[in-house]
Amino acid sequence: RRLIRRLSRLQWRDRTGPPGGGPNGQSVYHVQEPGGREKIRELIALRGGFAWWWVAGALALDQVTKVIVVSTMALHRPVPLLGDVVRLTYIHNEGAAFGLKLGGPLLHTVVAIGALGVLGWLFLRLPQTARLQRTALAMVLGGALGNIIDRIRLDYVIDFFDVGISETWRWPVFNVADSFVTVGVLFLALSWS
């Protein structure tokens, strides 16, 4: 603790290096200096770079498709796209991922918000050079946000993609947000393997 206190009290004249602060003359911001906290917040906000566009894109695409489905489709009435293999079926998913019934809607929302916090923390901790991991986490964050918005607003998630063969071999109905989460998780697994 003493060392940290002494380091935070260093005067500018006590620092070594070029007169700009950093090794290439860029400014050095400290939390203790006037405006230091604001500069650090700006750096954190910009840290995501291009990956924040994935979050925004996934969220926007998910919400727009859900608005279209709700306004144009009848609940539980399949609309074939590629025969019976791919169809659109508008449902209300009150369960967890893929319709699993594990607790109630409040539990699902709380767990989803907690997971979102962990994902956000991981995203901010990744270095700028980890582009694939940052993109993958951004996709997962955008998808998770889309489903959390549904849970908070409606107490259920709007799902509509229905894939399978006949009625016995069907994947659980899912949405755009689930697709972003799944692809993001696959990219994370590939990048860390």
N, C-alpha and C. Protein backbone atom coordinates (compact mmCIF):
# COMPACT_ATOMS: atom_id res chain seq x y z
N ARG A 1 0.83 -1.20 0.00
CA ARG A 1 0.00 0.00 0.00
C ARG A 1 0.86 1.25 0.00
N ARG A 2 1.95 1.21 0.76
CA ARG A 2 2.81 2.39 0.79
C ARG A 2 3.38 2.69 -0.57
N LEU A 3 3.78 1.64 -1.28
CA LEU A 3 4.34 1.83 -2.61
C LEU A 3 3.32 2.44 -3.55
N ILE A 4 2.09 1.98 -3.47
CA ILE A 4 1.04 2.53 -4.33
C ILE A 4 0.80 4.00 -3.99
N ARG A 5 0.77 4.34 -2.68
CA ARG A 5 0.59 5.74 -2.30
C ARG A 5 1.73 6.60 -2.80
N ARG A 6 2.97 6.09 -2.69
CA ARG A 6 4.12 6.87 -3.16
C ARG A 6 4.06 7.06 -4.66
N LEU A 7 3.67 6.01 -5.40
CA LEU A 7 3.59 6.13 -6.85
C LEU A 7 2.52 7.13 -7.28
N SER A 8 1.41 7.16 -6.55
CA SER A 8 0.34 8.09 -6.93
C SER A 8 0.72 9.54 -6.61
N ARG A 9 1.70 9.75 -5.75
CA ARG A 9 2.13 11.11 -5.40
C ARG A 9 3.29 11.61 -6.26
N LEU A 10 3.73 10.81 -7.20
CA LEU A 10 4.86 11.24 -8.03
C LEU A 10 4.54 12.57 -8.72
N GLN A 11 5.48 13.43 -8.74
CA GLN A 11 5.34 14.69 -9.44
C GLN A 11 5.83 14.51 -10.87
N TRP A 12 5.39 15.38 -11.77
CA TRP A 12 5.77 15.27 -13.17
C TRP A 12 7.28 15.29 -13.33
N ARG A 13 7.96 16.11 -12.55
CA ARG A 13 9.42 16.23 -12.67
C ARG A 13 10.13 14.94 -12.25
N ASP A 14 9.45 14.07 -11.48
CA ASP A 14 10.05 12.82 -11.02
C ASP A 14 9.95 11.71 -12.05
N ARG A 15 9.13 11.90 -13.08
CA ARG A 15 8.92 10.86 -14.08
C ARG A 15 10.03 10.89 -15.13
N THR A 16 10.33 9.71 -15.62
CA THR A 16 11.33 9.62 -16.68
C THR A 16 10.63 9.43 -18.01
N GLY A 17 11.33 9.69 -19.09
CA GLY A 17 10.76 9.51 -20.41
C GLY A 17 10.58 10.82 -21.12
N PRO A 18 10.10 10.80 -22.33
CA PRO A 18 9.94 12.02 -23.12
C PRO A 18 8.89 12.93 -22.52
N PRO A 19 8.93 14.21 -22.86
CA PRO A 19 8.02 15.16 -22.26
C PRO A 19 6.56 14.97 -22.64
N GLY A 20 6.12 14.04 -23.31
CA GLY A 20 4.68 13.85 -23.56
C GLY A 20 4.07 12.88 -22.59
N GLY A 21 4.87 12.13 -21.87
CA GLY A 21 4.34 11.17 -20.92
C GLY A 21 4.69 9.76 -21.29
N GLY A 22 4.15 9.23 -22.35
CA GLY A 22 4.37 7.85 -22.74
C GLY A 22 5.62 7.70 -23.59
N PRO A 23 5.93 6.48 -24.01
CA PRO A 23 7.15 6.24 -24.77
C PRO A 23 7.18 6.96 -26.12
N ASN A 24 6.03 7.23 -26.70
CA ASN A 24 6.00 7.93 -27.99
C ASN A 24 5.48 9.35 -27.85
N GLY A 25 5.48 9.86 -26.66
CA GLY A 25 5.03 11.23 -26.43
C GLY A 25 3.53 11.36 -26.24
N GLN A 26 2.77 10.25 -26.21
CA GLN A 26 1.33 10.37 -26.00
C GLN A 26 1.05 10.74 -24.55
N SER A 27 -0.12 11.30 -24.33
CA SER A 27 -0.46 11.75 -22.98
C SER A 27 -0.68 10.57 -22.05
N VAL A 28 -0.34 10.76 -20.80
CA VAL A 28 -0.58 9.77 -19.76
C VAL A 28 -1.67 10.32 -18.86
N TYR A 29 -2.75 9.56 -18.66
CA TYR A 29 -3.85 10.00 -17.81
C TYR A 29 -3.84 9.19 -16.53
N HIS A 30 -4.00 9.84 -15.43
CA HIS A 30 -4.07 9.18 -14.14
C HIS A 30 -5.40 9.50 -13.50
N VAL A 31 -5.91 8.57 -12.76
CA VAL A 31 -7.20 8.76 -12.10
C VAL A 31 -7.12 9.94 -11.13
N GLN A 32 -5.96 10.14 -10.49
CA GLN A 32 -5.83 11.19 -9.49
C GLN A 32 -5.78 12.59 -10.11
N GLU A 33 -5.40 12.72 -11.36
CA GLU A 33 -5.27 14.03 -11.99
C GLU A 33 -6.64 14.58 -12.35
N PRO A 34 -6.78 15.90 -12.43
CA PRO A 34 -8.08 16.48 -12.83
C PRO A 34 -8.51 15.96 -14.19
N GLY A 35 -9.73 15.48 -14.28
CA GLY A 35 -10.25 14.95 -15.54
C GLY A 35 -9.77 13.55 -15.86
N GLY A 36 -9.00 12.94 -14.99
CA GLY A 36 -8.44 11.61 -15.25
C GLY A 36 -9.50 10.53 -15.36
N ARG A 37 -10.49 10.58 -14.48
CA ARG A 37 -11.55 9.56 -14.53
C ARG A 37 -12.33 9.64 -15.85
N GLU A 38 -12.62 10.86 -16.30
CA GLU A 38 -13.36 11.02 -17.55
C GLU A 38 -12.55 10.49 -18.74
N LYS A 39 -11.24 10.74 -18.74
CA LYS A 39 -10.40 10.25 -19.83
C LYS A 39 -10.39 8.72 -19.85
N ILE A 40 -10.33 8.11 -18.68
CA ILE A 40 -10.33 6.65 -18.61
C ILE A 40 -11.66 6.10 -19.10
N ARG A 41 -12.78 6.74 -18.73
CA ARG A 41 -14.09 6.30 -19.23
C ARG A 41 -14.17 6.40 -20.75
N GLU A 42 -13.61 7.48 -21.31
CA GLU A 42 -13.59 7.62 -22.77
C GLU A 42 -12.80 6.50 -23.42
N LEU A 43 -11.67 6.16 -22.84
CA LEU A 43 -10.85 5.09 -23.39
C LEU A 43 -11.58 3.75 -23.34
N ILE A 44 -12.29 3.49 -22.24
CA ILE A 44 -13.05 2.24 -22.12
C ILE A 44 -14.17 2.21 -23.15
N ALA A 45 -14.85 3.35 -23.35
CA ALA A 45 -15.94 3.40 -24.32
C ALA A 45 -15.45 3.13 -25.73
N LEU A 46 -14.27 3.61 -26.06
CA LEU A 46 -13.72 3.42 -27.40
C LEU A 46 -13.01 2.08 -27.55
N ARG A 47 -12.73 1.41 -26.44
CA ARG A 47 -11.94 0.19 -26.46
C ARG A 47 -12.53 -0.90 -27.33
N GLY A 48 -13.85 -0.96 -27.42
CA GLY A 48 -14.48 -2.01 -28.20
C GLY A 48 -14.26 -1.87 -29.69
N GLY A 49 -14.04 -0.64 -30.17
CA GLY A 49 -13.80 -0.41 -31.58
C GLY A 49 -14.89 -0.98 -32.45
N PHE A 50 -14.47 -1.68 -33.49
CA PHE A 50 -15.41 -2.22 -34.47
C PHE A 50 -16.36 -3.25 -33.85
N ALA A 51 -15.96 -3.90 -32.79
CA ALA A 51 -16.78 -4.97 -32.21
C ALA A 51 -18.11 -4.45 -31.67
N TRP A 52 -18.15 -3.18 -31.22
CA TRP A 52 -19.43 -2.63 -30.75
C TRP A 52 -20.46 -2.62 -31.86
N TRP A 53 -20.01 -2.53 -33.12
CA TRP A 53 -20.94 -2.56 -34.24
C TRP A 53 -21.62 -3.92 -34.34
N TRP A 54 -20.93 -4.98 -33.96
CA TRP A 54 -21.54 -6.31 -33.95
C TRP A 54 -22.64 -6.37 -32.90
N VAL A 55 -22.40 -5.79 -31.73
CA VAL A 55 -23.42 -5.76 -30.68
C VAL A 55 -24.65 -5.03 -31.18
N ALA A 56 -24.43 -3.83 -31.71
CA ALA A 56 -25.56 -3.02 -32.20
C ALA A 56 -26.27 -3.69 -33.36
N GLY A 57 -25.51 -4.27 -34.28
CA GLY A 57 -26.11 -4.94 -35.44
C GLY A 57 -26.94 -6.14 -35.06
N ALA A 58 -26.40 -6.97 -34.17
CA ALA A 58 -27.14 -8.16 -33.72
C ALA A 58 -28.42 -7.76 -33.01
N LEU A 59 -28.32 -6.77 -32.13
CA LEU A 59 -29.49 -6.30 -31.39
C LEU A 59 -30.55 -5.72 -32.32
N ALA A 60 -30.13 -4.87 -33.25
CA ALA A 60 -31.08 -4.24 -34.17
C ALA A 60 -31.75 -5.27 -35.07
N LEU A 61 -30.96 -6.17 -35.66
CA LEU A 61 -31.53 -7.19 -36.54
C LEU A 61 -32.51 -8.09 -35.79
N ASP A 62 -32.16 -8.45 -34.56
CA ASP A 62 -33.05 -9.29 -33.76
C ASP A 62 -34.37 -8.58 -33.48
N GLN A 63 -34.30 -7.34 -33.03
CA GLN A 63 -35.52 -6.62 -32.66
C GLN A 63 -36.39 -6.32 -33.88
N VAL A 64 -35.77 -5.97 -35.01
CA VAL A 64 -36.54 -5.68 -36.22
C VAL A 64 -37.25 -6.94 -36.71
N THR A 65 -36.56 -8.08 -36.73
CA THR A 65 -37.21 -9.31 -37.19
C THR A 65 -38.36 -9.71 -36.27
N LYS A 66 -38.20 -9.48 -34.99
CA LYS A 66 -39.29 -9.82 -34.05
C LYS A 66 -40.51 -8.93 -34.27
N VAL A 67 -40.29 -7.65 -34.55
CA VAL A 67 -41.41 -6.75 -34.84
C VAL A 67 -42.13 -7.20 -36.10
N ILE A 68 -41.37 -7.58 -37.12
CA ILE A 68 -41.97 -8.06 -38.37
C ILE A 68 -42.78 -9.33 -38.13
N VAL A 69 -42.22 -10.27 -37.38
CA VAL A 69 -42.91 -11.54 -37.11
C VAL A 69 -44.21 -11.29 -36.34
N VAL A 70 -44.15 -10.49 -35.29
CA VAL A 70 -45.34 -10.24 -34.47
C VAL A 70 -46.43 -9.54 -35.29
N SER A 71 -46.03 -8.64 -36.18
CA SER A 71 -47.04 -7.87 -36.92
C SER A 71 -47.58 -8.60 -38.16
N THR A 72 -46.90 -9.65 -38.62
CA THR A 72 -47.34 -10.31 -39.86
C THR A 72 -47.74 -11.77 -39.70
N MET A 73 -47.42 -12.40 -38.58
CA MET A 73 -47.68 -13.84 -38.45
C MET A 73 -48.68 -14.13 -37.33
N ALA A 74 -49.38 -15.23 -37.48
CA ALA A 74 -50.29 -15.71 -36.43
C ALA A 74 -49.51 -16.66 -35.52
N LEU A 75 -49.83 -16.63 -34.25
CA LEU A 75 -49.16 -17.45 -33.25
C LEU A 75 -49.38 -18.94 -33.55
N HIS A 76 -48.32 -19.72 -33.53
CA HIS A 76 -48.32 -21.18 -33.70
C HIS A 76 -48.78 -21.66 -35.09
N ARG A 77 -48.74 -20.84 -36.10
CA ARG A 77 -49.12 -21.26 -37.46
C ARG A 77 -47.87 -21.27 -38.34
N PRO A 78 -47.34 -22.45 -38.69
CA PRO A 78 -46.12 -22.52 -39.50
C PRO A 78 -46.32 -22.00 -40.92
N VAL A 79 -45.28 -21.30 -41.39
CA VAL A 79 -45.25 -20.82 -42.78
C VAL A 79 -44.02 -21.46 -43.43
N PRO A 80 -44.22 -22.37 -44.40
CA PRO A 80 -43.08 -23.06 -45.01
C PRO A 80 -42.21 -22.11 -45.84
N LEU A 81 -40.88 -22.22 -45.68
CA LEU A 81 -39.93 -21.49 -46.51
C LEU A 81 -39.26 -22.42 -47.50
N LEU A 82 -38.75 -23.54 -47.01
CA LEU A 82 -38.15 -24.58 -47.85
C LEU A 82 -38.88 -25.89 -47.55
N GLY A 83 -40.08 -25.97 -48.03
CA GLY A 83 -40.89 -27.14 -47.73
C GLY A 83 -41.16 -27.24 -46.24
N ASP A 84 -41.03 -28.44 -45.69
CA ASP A 84 -41.23 -28.65 -44.27
C ASP A 84 -39.90 -28.58 -43.49
N VAL A 85 -38.80 -28.47 -44.22
CA VAL A 85 -37.49 -28.46 -43.56
C VAL A 85 -37.23 -27.15 -42.85
N VAL A 86 -37.44 -26.04 -43.52
CA VAL A 86 -37.27 -24.71 -42.91
C VAL A 86 -38.59 -23.98 -43.01
N ARG A 87 -39.09 -23.55 -41.87
CA ARG A 87 -40.33 -22.80 -41.84
C ARG A 87 -40.30 -21.76 -40.73
N LEU A 88 -41.19 -20.81 -40.80
CA LEU A 88 -41.33 -19.80 -39.76
C LEU A 88 -42.55 -20.17 -38.91
N THR A 89 -42.33 -20.28 -37.61
CA THR A 89 -43.42 -20.57 -36.68
C THR A 89 -43.27 -19.63 -35.49
N TYR A 90 -44.19 -18.69 -35.38
CA TYR A 90 -44.15 -17.69 -34.32
C TYR A 90 -44.63 -18.31 -33.01
N ILE A 91 -43.73 -18.31 -31.99
CA ILE A 91 -44.10 -18.85 -30.67
C ILE A 91 -43.62 -17.89 -29.57
N HIS A 92 -44.17 -18.08 -28.38
CA HIS A 92 -43.70 -17.38 -27.18
C HIS A 92 -42.92 -18.39 -26.34
N ASN A 93 -41.64 -18.17 -26.19
CA ASN A 93 -40.78 -19.06 -25.42
C ASN A 93 -40.66 -18.53 -23.99
N GLU A 94 -41.34 -19.17 -23.07
CA GLU A 94 -41.28 -18.76 -21.66
C GLU A 94 -40.18 -19.49 -20.90
N GLY A 95 -39.53 -20.43 -21.54
CA GLY A 95 -38.46 -21.18 -20.91
C GLY A 95 -37.10 -20.55 -21.14
N ALA A 96 -36.08 -21.33 -20.83
CA ALA A 96 -34.70 -20.87 -21.04
C ALA A 96 -34.34 -21.12 -22.51
N ALA A 97 -33.07 -21.25 -22.79
CA ALA A 97 -32.62 -21.49 -24.16
C ALA A 97 -33.28 -22.73 -24.73
N PHE A 98 -33.75 -22.62 -25.96
CA PHE A 98 -34.40 -23.71 -26.68
C PHE A 98 -35.62 -24.26 -25.94
N GLY A 99 -36.30 -23.41 -25.16
CA GLY A 99 -37.54 -23.80 -24.51
C GLY A 99 -37.41 -24.65 -23.27
N LEU A 100 -36.21 -24.83 -22.74
CA LEU A 100 -36.03 -25.63 -21.52
C LEU A 100 -36.76 -24.97 -20.35
N LYS A 101 -37.49 -25.75 -19.60
CA LYS A 101 -38.23 -25.23 -18.44
C LYS A 101 -37.39 -25.40 -17.18
N LEU A 102 -36.63 -24.39 -16.84
CA LEU A 102 -35.78 -24.41 -15.64
C LEU A 102 -36.09 -23.18 -14.81
N GLY A 103 -37.03 -23.28 -13.90
CA GLY A 103 -37.41 -22.13 -13.09
C GLY A 103 -38.39 -21.25 -13.84
N GLY A 104 -38.66 -20.07 -13.26
CA GLY A 104 -39.63 -19.16 -13.85
C GLY A 104 -38.97 -18.04 -14.64
N PRO A 105 -39.78 -17.14 -15.19
CA PRO A 105 -39.27 -16.04 -16.01
C PRO A 105 -38.32 -15.11 -15.24
N LEU A 106 -38.60 -14.88 -13.96
CA LEU A 106 -37.72 -14.01 -13.16
C LEU A 106 -36.33 -14.62 -13.04
N LEU A 107 -36.26 -15.91 -12.78
CA LEU A 107 -34.96 -16.59 -12.68
C LEU A 107 -34.20 -16.50 -14.01
N HIS A 108 -34.89 -16.72 -15.13
CA HIS A 108 -34.26 -16.64 -16.44
C HIS A 108 -33.70 -15.25 -16.69
N THR A 109 -34.46 -14.22 -16.32
CA THR A 109 -34.02 -12.84 -16.54
C THR A 109 -32.81 -12.52 -15.67
N VAL A 110 -32.84 -12.90 -14.41
CA VAL A 110 -31.72 -12.62 -13.50
C VAL A 110 -30.45 -13.34 -13.97
N VAL A 111 -30.58 -14.60 -14.34
CA VAL A 111 -29.42 -15.36 -14.81
C VAL A 111 -28.87 -14.74 -16.11
N ALA A 112 -29.77 -14.34 -17.01
CA ALA A 112 -29.34 -13.74 -18.28
C ALA A 112 -28.62 -12.42 -18.05
N ILE A 113 -29.10 -11.60 -17.14
CA ILE A 113 -28.45 -10.32 -16.85
C ILE A 113 -27.09 -10.56 -16.20
N GLY A 114 -27.00 -11.55 -15.30
CA GLY A 114 -25.70 -11.89 -14.70
C GLY A 114 -24.71 -12.37 -15.75
N ALA A 115 -25.16 -13.22 -16.65
CA ALA A 115 -24.29 -13.70 -17.72
C ALA A 115 -23.86 -12.56 -18.63
N LEU A 116 -24.77 -11.63 -18.88
CA LEU A 116 -24.45 -10.47 -19.70
C LEU A 116 -23.34 -9.64 -19.04
N GLY A 117 -23.41 -9.47 -17.72
CA GLY A 117 -22.36 -8.75 -17.00
C GLY A 117 -21.01 -9.43 -17.12
N VAL A 118 -20.99 -10.75 -16.99
CA VAL A 118 -19.73 -11.50 -17.13
C VAL A 118 -19.18 -11.36 -18.54
N LEU A 119 -20.04 -11.47 -19.54
CA LEU A 119 -19.60 -11.32 -20.93
C LEU A 119 -19.04 -9.93 -21.19
N GLY A 120 -19.71 -8.91 -20.67
CA GLY A 120 -19.22 -7.54 -20.82
C GLY A 120 -17.86 -7.36 -20.18
N TRP A 121 -17.68 -7.93 -19.00
CA TRP A 121 -16.38 -7.84 -18.31
C TRP A 121 -15.30 -8.54 -19.14
N LEU A 122 -15.60 -9.73 -19.65
CA LEU A 122 -14.64 -10.45 -20.50
C LEU A 122 -14.30 -9.64 -21.74
N PHE A 123 -15.31 -9.03 -22.34
CA PHE A 123 -15.10 -8.24 -23.54
C PHE A 123 -14.14 -7.08 -23.28
N LEU A 124 -14.33 -6.38 -22.18
CA LEU A 124 -13.46 -5.24 -21.86
C LEU A 124 -12.06 -5.67 -21.46
N ARG A 125 -11.90 -6.90 -20.99
CA ARG A 125 -10.58 -7.39 -20.57
C ARG A 125 -9.73 -7.90 -21.73
N LEU A 126 -10.37 -8.21 -22.85
CA LEU A 126 -9.61 -8.74 -23.99
C LEU A 126 -8.77 -7.63 -24.63
N PRO A 127 -7.56 -7.96 -25.06
CA PRO A 127 -6.74 -6.95 -25.74
C PRO A 127 -7.31 -6.62 -27.12
N GLN A 128 -6.98 -5.44 -27.62
CA GLN A 128 -7.44 -5.01 -28.95
C GLN A 128 -7.02 -5.99 -30.04
N THR A 129 -5.91 -6.67 -29.86
CA THR A 129 -5.39 -7.57 -30.89
C THR A 129 -6.19 -8.86 -31.00
N ALA A 130 -7.01 -9.17 -30.01
CA ALA A 130 -7.81 -10.40 -30.03
C ALA A 130 -9.11 -10.15 -30.80
N ARG A 131 -8.97 -9.86 -32.08
CA ARG A 131 -10.13 -9.45 -32.88
C ARG A 131 -11.20 -10.53 -33.00
N LEU A 132 -10.81 -11.77 -33.20
CA LEU A 132 -11.79 -12.84 -33.35
C LEU A 132 -12.57 -13.05 -32.05
N GLN A 133 -11.86 -13.07 -30.92
CA GLN A 133 -12.54 -13.24 -29.63
C GLN A 133 -13.46 -12.05 -29.34
N ARG A 134 -13.00 -10.84 -29.65
CA ARG A 134 -13.81 -9.64 -29.40
C ARG A 134 -15.07 -9.66 -30.28
N THR A 135 -14.90 -10.06 -31.54
CA THR A 135 -16.06 -10.14 -32.43
C THR A 135 -17.03 -11.21 -31.94
N ALA A 136 -16.51 -12.36 -31.55
CA ALA A 136 -17.35 -13.45 -31.07
C ALA A 136 -18.12 -13.03 -29.81
N LEU A 137 -17.42 -12.41 -28.86
CA LEU A 137 -18.09 -11.95 -27.64
C LEU A 137 -19.12 -10.87 -27.95
N ALA A 138 -18.82 -10.01 -28.91
CA ALA A 138 -19.78 -8.97 -29.30
C ALA A 138 -21.04 -9.60 -29.89
N MET A 139 -20.88 -10.65 -30.68
CA MET A 139 -22.05 -11.34 -31.23
C MET A 139 -22.90 -11.95 -30.12
N VAL A 140 -22.23 -12.57 -29.14
CA VAL A 140 -22.95 -13.17 -28.02
C VAL A 140 -23.65 -12.08 -27.21
N LEU A 141 -22.95 -10.96 -26.96
CA LEU A 141 -23.55 -9.86 -26.21
C LEU A 141 -24.79 -9.31 -26.91
N GLY A 142 -24.69 -9.08 -28.22
CA GLY A 142 -25.84 -8.55 -28.97
C GLY A 142 -27.02 -9.49 -28.92
N GLY A 143 -26.77 -10.79 -29.11
CA GLY A 143 -27.86 -11.77 -29.05
C GLY A 143 -28.47 -11.86 -27.66
N ALA A 144 -27.62 -11.86 -26.64
CA ALA A 144 -28.12 -11.93 -25.26
C ALA A 144 -28.97 -10.70 -24.93
N LEU A 145 -28.52 -9.53 -25.37
CA LEU A 145 -29.30 -8.31 -25.13
C LEU A 145 -30.68 -8.39 -25.79
N GLY A 146 -30.71 -8.91 -27.01
CA GLY A 146 -32.00 -9.03 -27.70
C GLY A 146 -32.99 -9.87 -26.95
N ASN A 147 -32.55 -11.00 -26.40
CA ASN A 147 -33.46 -11.87 -25.65
C ASN A 147 -33.79 -11.29 -24.28
N ILE A 148 -32.83 -10.60 -23.65
CA ILE A 148 -33.11 -9.98 -22.34
C ILE A 148 -34.17 -8.89 -22.49
N ILE A 149 -34.09 -8.13 -23.58
CA ILE A 149 -35.11 -7.09 -23.81
C ILE A 149 -36.50 -7.73 -23.88
N ASP A 150 -36.62 -8.85 -24.59
CA ASP A 150 -37.91 -9.55 -24.64
C ASP A 150 -38.36 -10.00 -23.26
N ARG A 151 -37.45 -10.58 -22.50
CA ARG A 151 -37.81 -11.10 -21.16
C ARG A 151 -38.29 -9.98 -20.25
N ILE A 152 -37.60 -8.84 -20.28
CA ILE A 152 -37.99 -7.72 -19.42
C ILE A 152 -39.30 -7.10 -19.90
N ARG A 153 -39.45 -6.95 -21.19
CA ARG A 153 -40.62 -6.28 -21.76
C ARG A 153 -41.85 -7.17 -21.78
N LEU A 154 -41.67 -8.47 -22.08
CA LEU A 154 -42.82 -9.34 -22.33
C LEU A 154 -42.95 -10.54 -21.38
N ASP A 155 -41.92 -10.87 -20.63
CA ASP A 155 -41.85 -12.08 -19.79
C ASP A 155 -41.65 -13.35 -20.61
N TYR A 156 -41.43 -13.24 -21.89
CA TYR A 156 -41.12 -14.38 -22.75
C TYR A 156 -40.27 -13.88 -23.92
N VAL A 157 -39.72 -14.82 -24.67
CA VAL A 157 -38.90 -14.49 -25.83
C VAL A 157 -39.66 -14.88 -27.09
N ILE A 158 -39.63 -14.03 -28.10
CA ILE A 158 -40.28 -14.31 -29.38
C ILE A 158 -39.32 -15.15 -30.22
N ASP A 159 -39.74 -16.36 -30.58
CA ASP A 159 -38.96 -17.25 -31.44
C ASP A 159 -39.76 -17.52 -32.70
N PHE A 160 -39.05 -17.83 -33.81
CA PHE A 160 -39.78 -18.05 -35.06
C PHE A 160 -39.09 -18.93 -36.09
N PHE A 161 -37.78 -19.20 -36.00
CA PHE A 161 -37.15 -20.10 -36.96
C PHE A 161 -37.41 -21.54 -36.53
N ASP A 162 -37.93 -22.34 -37.44
CA ASP A 162 -38.34 -23.71 -37.16
C ASP A 162 -37.68 -24.61 -38.20
N VAL A 163 -36.74 -25.45 -37.78
CA VAL A 163 -35.95 -26.28 -38.70
C VAL A 163 -36.07 -27.74 -38.30
N GLY A 164 -36.24 -28.63 -39.27
CA GLY A 164 -36.29 -30.05 -38.98
C GLY A 164 -36.92 -30.84 -40.10
N ILE A 165 -37.09 -32.13 -39.84
CA ILE A 165 -37.70 -33.04 -40.80
C ILE A 165 -38.92 -33.65 -40.14
N SER A 166 -40.05 -33.53 -40.77
CA SER A 166 -41.36 -33.96 -40.25
C SER A 166 -41.59 -33.34 -38.87
N GLU A 167 -42.53 -33.85 -38.13
CA GLU A 167 -42.82 -33.31 -36.81
C GLU A 167 -42.00 -33.98 -35.71
N THR A 168 -41.41 -35.13 -35.99
CA THR A 168 -40.66 -35.85 -34.96
C THR A 168 -39.20 -35.41 -34.86
N TRP A 169 -38.60 -34.90 -35.92
CA TRP A 169 -37.19 -34.51 -35.91
C TRP A 169 -37.05 -33.01 -36.13
N ARG A 170 -37.44 -32.23 -35.15
CA ARG A 170 -37.37 -30.77 -35.27
C ARG A 170 -36.48 -30.20 -34.18
N TRP A 171 -35.67 -29.22 -34.57
CA TRP A 171 -34.87 -28.47 -33.61
C TRP A 171 -35.81 -27.51 -32.89
N PRO A 172 -35.55 -27.18 -31.62
CA PRO A 172 -36.41 -26.20 -30.95
C PRO A 172 -36.43 -24.87 -31.72
N VAL A 173 -37.58 -24.22 -31.75
CA VAL A 173 -37.74 -22.95 -32.47
C VAL A 173 -36.82 -21.91 -31.85
N PHE A 174 -36.17 -21.10 -32.69
CA PHE A 174 -35.20 -20.11 -32.21
C PHE A 174 -35.37 -18.80 -32.96
N ASN A 175 -34.53 -17.80 -32.66
CA ASN A 175 -34.64 -16.49 -33.30
C ASN A 175 -33.25 -16.00 -33.73
N VAL A 176 -33.19 -14.76 -34.23
CA VAL A 176 -31.93 -14.18 -34.70
C VAL A 176 -30.94 -14.05 -33.55
N ALA A 177 -31.41 -13.64 -32.38
CA ALA A 177 -30.52 -13.49 -31.23
C ALA A 177 -29.86 -14.82 -30.88
N ASP A 178 -30.63 -15.90 -30.88
CA ASP A 178 -30.07 -17.22 -30.60
C ASP A 178 -29.01 -17.59 -31.63
N SER A 179 -29.24 -17.21 -32.89
CA SER A 179 -28.27 -17.49 -33.95
C SER A 179 -26.96 -16.76 -33.69
N PHE A 180 -27.04 -15.49 -33.31
CA PHE A 180 -25.82 -14.72 -33.01
C PHE A 180 -25.09 -15.32 -31.82
N VAL A 181 -25.82 -15.72 -30.79
CA VAL A 181 -25.20 -16.33 -29.62
C VAL A 181 -24.49 -17.63 -30.01
N THR A 182 -25.15 -18.46 -30.80
CA THR A 182 -24.57 -19.75 -31.19
C THR A 182 -23.32 -19.57 -32.04
N VAL A 183 -23.38 -18.70 -33.04
CA VAL A 183 -22.22 -18.46 -33.91
C VAL A 183 -21.08 -17.84 -33.10
N GLY A 184 -21.41 -16.91 -32.20
CA GLY A 184 -20.38 -16.30 -31.35
C GLY A 184 -19.69 -17.32 -30.46
N VAL A 185 -20.46 -18.22 -29.87
CA VAL A 185 -19.88 -19.26 -29.02
C VAL A 185 -19.00 -20.20 -29.85
N LEU A 186 -19.43 -20.54 -31.05
CA LEU A 186 -18.61 -21.38 -31.93
C LEU A 186 -17.28 -20.70 -32.27
N PHE A 187 -17.34 -19.39 -32.60
CA PHE A 187 -16.10 -18.66 -32.88
C PHE A 187 -15.19 -18.60 -31.65
N LEU A 188 -15.78 -18.44 -30.47
CA LEU A 188 -14.97 -18.43 -29.24
C LEU A 188 -14.29 -19.77 -29.05
N ALA A 189 -15.04 -20.84 -29.24
CA ALA A 189 -14.47 -22.19 -29.07
C ALA A 189 -13.33 -22.42 -30.06
N LEU A 190 -13.53 -21.99 -31.30
CA LEU A 190 -12.48 -22.17 -32.31
C LEU A 190 -11.25 -21.31 -32.00
N SER A 191 -11.46 -20.10 -31.53
CA SER A 191 -10.34 -19.19 -31.29
C SER A 191 -9.53 -19.57 -30.05
N TRP A 192 -10.17 -20.21 -29.08
CA TRP A 192 -9.45 -20.58 -27.86
C TRP A 192 -9.03 -22.04 -27.84
N SER A 193 -9.23 -22.77 -28.94
CA SER A 193 -8.82 -24.17 -28.97
C SER A 193 -7.45 -24.32 -29.60
